[in-house]
Amino acid sequence: HKTLRERMAKTKETYCWQCHAKMNPLGLGFENFDHFGRWRDAELGKPVDATAVVDRVGDRSIEGAYGNSIEMIRKLAASDRARQVFVRFAFRYWMGRDENLGDAK
C-alpha cells in the first residue's frame, strides 16, 4: 500500500545505500513511467514524485536537480557528453568488446 518512492526509502539503510546512493537520485526521476513504460501522474491515488538529481557525471551542464523526468530527458538529449556515453556503450554492446585505439578512426 505504498508508492514506489515510499518503498524505496528502505534503500537508505546503510547496507543498501552503499550502491543505491549512485542509482536512486537519478533513477527515481523516471517514476512517471510504470513498469510497462506507460506515463502516469499518480500512483495509488497520490501524485507521482519524479524529482531527480544528476551528479558526479563529469559534465556540469547536466548536473543538478530536475523537477521531473521530461525536464531531465530533454537536458540529457542536448548533452554532447550523454551522446558520447550512449555511443560508447552501444559500440561495446554490439561489438562485444571495449573500444581500443584502432577504433578511433
Protein backbone atom coordinates (compact mmCIF):
# COMPACT_ATOMS: atom_id res chain seq x y z
CA HIS A 1 0.00 0.00 0.00
CA LYS A 2 2.99 2.29 -0.55
CA THR A 3 4.19 4.10 -3.64
CA LEU A 4 7.46 3.10 -5.25
CA ARG A 5 9.28 6.06 -3.73
CA GLU A 6 7.92 5.15 -0.28
CA ARG A 7 9.07 1.54 -0.74
CA MET A 8 12.48 2.68 -1.97
CA ALA A 9 13.03 4.59 1.29
CA LYS A 10 14.18 1.22 2.67
CA THR A 11 17.28 1.51 0.46
CA LYS A 12 18.52 4.43 2.57
CA GLU A 13 19.68 1.98 5.21
CA THR A 14 23.47 1.84 5.39
CA TYR A 15 23.89 -1.60 3.83
CA CYS A 16 21.72 -0.78 0.81
CA TRP A 17 22.76 2.85 0.44
CA GLN A 18 26.33 1.88 -0.49
CA CYS A 19 25.05 1.11 -4.02
CA HIS A 20 21.70 2.90 -4.06
CA ALA A 21 23.38 6.28 -3.45
CA LYS A 22 24.56 6.02 -7.05
CA MET A 23 21.23 4.85 -8.52
CA ASN A 24 18.32 6.38 -6.63
CA PRO A 25 18.87 10.12 -7.22
CA LEU A 26 18.75 9.58 -10.99
CA GLY A 27 16.53 6.51 -11.26
CA LEU A 28 13.66 7.80 -9.15
CA GLY A 29 13.25 10.60 -11.67
CA PHE A 30 11.70 8.07 -14.03
CA GLU A 31 8.91 7.28 -11.60
CA ASN A 32 6.42 8.89 -14.01
CA PHE A 33 6.74 5.70 -16.04
CA ASP A 34 5.17 2.50 -14.74
CA HIS A 35 6.76 -0.95 -15.09
CA PHE A 36 5.40 -1.18 -18.66
CA GLY A 37 6.81 2.22 -19.66
CA ARG A 38 3.41 3.92 -19.65
CA TRP A 39 3.17 7.51 -18.41
CA ARG A 40 1.42 8.08 -15.08
CA ASP A 41 0.74 11.15 -12.99
CA ALA A 42 -0.48 9.28 -9.91
CA GLU A 43 0.27 6.05 -8.06
CA LEU A 44 -2.14 4.64 -5.52
CA GLY A 45 -4.11 7.87 -5.70
CA LYS A 46 -1.08 10.01 -4.82
CA PRO A 47 0.74 12.35 -7.22
CA VAL A 48 3.97 10.85 -8.53
CA ASP A 49 7.15 12.45 -7.17
CA ALA A 50 9.50 12.34 -10.16
CA THR A 51 12.15 14.70 -8.85
CA ALA A 52 15.69 13.64 -9.68
CA VAL A 53 19.31 14.64 -9.24
CA VAL A 54 22.09 14.10 -11.74
CA ASP A 55 25.51 14.34 -10.14
CA ARG A 56 29.06 13.03 -10.44
CA VAL A 57 28.88 12.59 -14.23
CA GLY A 58 31.70 14.94 -15.20
CA ASP A 59 29.53 17.43 -17.10
CA ARG A 60 28.36 20.44 -15.13
CA SER A 61 25.89 21.37 -17.88
CA ILE A 62 23.67 18.40 -16.97
CA GLU A 63 24.37 18.07 -13.26
CA GLY A 64 21.72 19.34 -10.88
CA ALA A 65 18.18 18.83 -9.67
CA TYR A 66 15.25 18.18 -12.00
CA GLY A 67 11.56 18.56 -11.30
CA ASN A 68 10.52 15.65 -13.50
CA SER A 69 11.78 13.07 -15.98
CA ILE A 70 10.83 15.07 -19.10
CA GLU A 71 12.94 18.01 -17.96
CA MET A 72 15.85 15.65 -17.26
CA ILE A 73 15.48 13.73 -20.54
CA ARG A 74 15.50 16.95 -22.59
CA LYS A 75 18.64 18.17 -20.85
CA LEU A 76 20.38 14.81 -21.35
CA ALA A 77 19.34 14.64 -25.01
CA ALA A 78 21.02 18.00 -25.65
CA SER A 79 24.26 16.91 -23.95
CA ASP A 80 27.32 16.00 -26.03
CA ARG A 81 28.61 14.02 -23.05
CA ALA A 82 25.42 11.91 -22.86
CA ARG A 83 25.58 11.20 -26.61
CA GLN A 84 29.23 10.18 -26.30
CA VAL A 85 28.45 7.77 -23.46
CA PHE A 86 25.49 6.30 -25.37
CA VAL A 87 27.59 5.70 -28.49
CA ARG A 88 30.41 4.17 -26.43
CA PHE A 89 28.13 1.68 -24.69
CA ALA A 90 26.23 0.87 -27.89
CA PHE A 91 29.59 0.12 -29.54
CA ARG A 92 30.63 -2.12 -26.65
CA TYR A 93 27.35 -3.99 -26.74
CA TRP A 94 27.25 -4.57 -30.49
CA MET A 95 30.96 -5.35 -30.87
CA GLY A 96 31.11 -7.48 -27.72
CA ARG A 97 34.27 -5.72 -26.56
CA ASP A 98 35.66 -2.42 -25.31
CA GLU A 99 36.89 0.13 -27.77
CA ASN A 100 40.64 0.48 -28.43
CA LEU A 101 42.94 2.91 -30.24
CA GLY A 102 42.42 1.10 -33.55
CA ASP A 103 38.72 2.05 -33.41
CA ALA A 104 39.46 5.78 -33.17
CA LYS A 105 39.38 6.33 -36.93
